[in-house]
Protein backbone atom coordinates (compact mmCIF):
# COMPACT_ATOMS: atom_id res chain seq x y z
CA UNK A 1 44.22 32.72 -27.63
CA UNK A 2 45.88 33.26 -23.95
CA UNK A 3 48.71 31.59 -23.02
CA UNK A 4 50.11 30.67 -19.15
CA UNK A 5 52.58 33.36 -19.04
CA UNK A 6 50.81 36.36 -20.57
CA UNK A 7 50.03 37.59 -17.05
CA UNK A 8 53.35 37.75 -16.13
CA UNK A 9 54.24 39.74 -19.35
CA UNK A 10 54.98 43.77 -19.95
CA UNK A 11 52.96 45.90 -21.95
CA UNK A 12 55.69 46.34 -24.16
CA UNK A 13 56.00 42.71 -24.54
CA UNK A 14 52.17 42.19 -25.22
CA UNK A 15 52.71 44.89 -27.78
CA UNK A 16 55.32 42.95 -29.39
CA UNK A 17 53.51 39.67 -29.29
CA UNK A 18 50.53 41.28 -31.11
CA UNK A 19 52.87 42.83 -33.71
CA UNK A 20 54.44 39.50 -34.36
CA UNK A 21 51.31 37.75 -34.90
CA UNK A 22 49.62 40.40 -36.97
CA UNK A 23 52.60 40.32 -39.05
CA UNK A 24 52.58 36.69 -40.00
CA UNK A 25 48.73 37.09 -40.72
CA UNK A 26 49.28 39.59 -43.18
CA UNK A 27 51.59 37.52 -44.93
CA UNK A 28 49.68 34.70 -45.10
CA UNK A 29 46.70 36.50 -46.52
CA UNK A 30 48.64 37.99 -49.17
CA UNK A 31 49.15 36.82 -52.80
CA UNK A 32 51.76 37.94 -55.14
CA UNK A 33 51.21 38.46 -58.60
CA UNK A 34 54.00 35.73 -59.06
CA UNK A 35 51.89 33.38 -57.18
CA UNK A 36 48.72 34.41 -59.24
CA UNK A 37 50.35 33.92 -62.57
CA UNK A 38 51.75 30.58 -61.02
CA UNK A 39 55.56 31.70 -61.84
CA UNK A 40 58.59 30.55 -60.34
CA UNK A 41 60.75 33.85 -60.96
CA UNK A 42 59.99 37.18 -59.36
CA UNK A 43 57.31 39.40 -61.31
CA UNK A 44 58.16 42.36 -58.57
CA UNK A 45 61.87 42.60 -59.04
CA UNK A 46 61.20 42.17 -63.18
CA UNK A 47 59.25 45.34 -62.82
CA UNK A 48 61.40 47.40 -60.77
CA UNK A 49 64.01 46.57 -63.26
CA UNK A 50 61.91 47.88 -65.79
CA UNK A 51 61.97 51.24 -64.24
CA UNK A 52 65.71 51.42 -62.81
CA UNK A 53 67.16 50.23 -66.09
CA UNK A 54 65.24 53.02 -67.96
CA UNK A 55 63.59 50.16 -70.14
CA UNK A 56 60.41 51.57 -70.16
CA UNK A 57 59.16 54.99 -68.17
CA UNK A 58 55.60 53.75 -67.76
CA UNK A 59 54.11 50.40 -68.20
CA UNK A 60 50.49 48.32 -67.67
CA UNK A 61 50.18 46.08 -64.71
CA UNK A 62 50.49 42.56 -67.34
CA UNK A 63 53.81 43.98 -68.51
CA UNK A 64 56.07 42.37 -65.98
CA UNK A 65 54.19 39.02 -65.64
CA UNK A 66 54.17 38.74 -69.25
CA UNK A 67 58.09 39.60 -69.51
CA UNK A 68 58.83 37.27 -66.34
CA UNK A 69 56.46 34.45 -68.36
CA UNK A 70 58.77 34.77 -71.02
CA UNK A 71 62.00 34.84 -69.20
CA UNK A 72 60.97 31.59 -67.58
CA UNK A 73 59.66 30.03 -70.57
CA UNK A 74 63.30 30.80 -72.49
CA UNK A 75 65.07 29.83 -69.48
CA UNK A 76 63.48 26.11 -69.01
CA UNK A 77 63.84 25.97 -72.92
CA UNK A 78 67.74 26.85 -72.67
CA UNK A 79 68.28 23.73 -69.55
CA UNK A 80 66.19 21.23 -71.77
CA UNK A 81 68.47 21.80 -74.54
CA UNK A 82 71.53 21.77 -72.59
């Protein structure tokens, strides 16, 4: 879509606008493991902590998803009891 001020923009400004629009379209189409598993807690952080805290040297793709689901379940149960 062309804008009215596009003909007055420099090459650098056009490049930045194109990059900005591309960035947003990338994030709109991205599906994370957290959204696929319908969880609230972040799966990526749990996976990174598994490696960084030396809990596991290797793990399968489903391991951080399962661990995140367990953490979320336990947190919900604690909040219900309080």
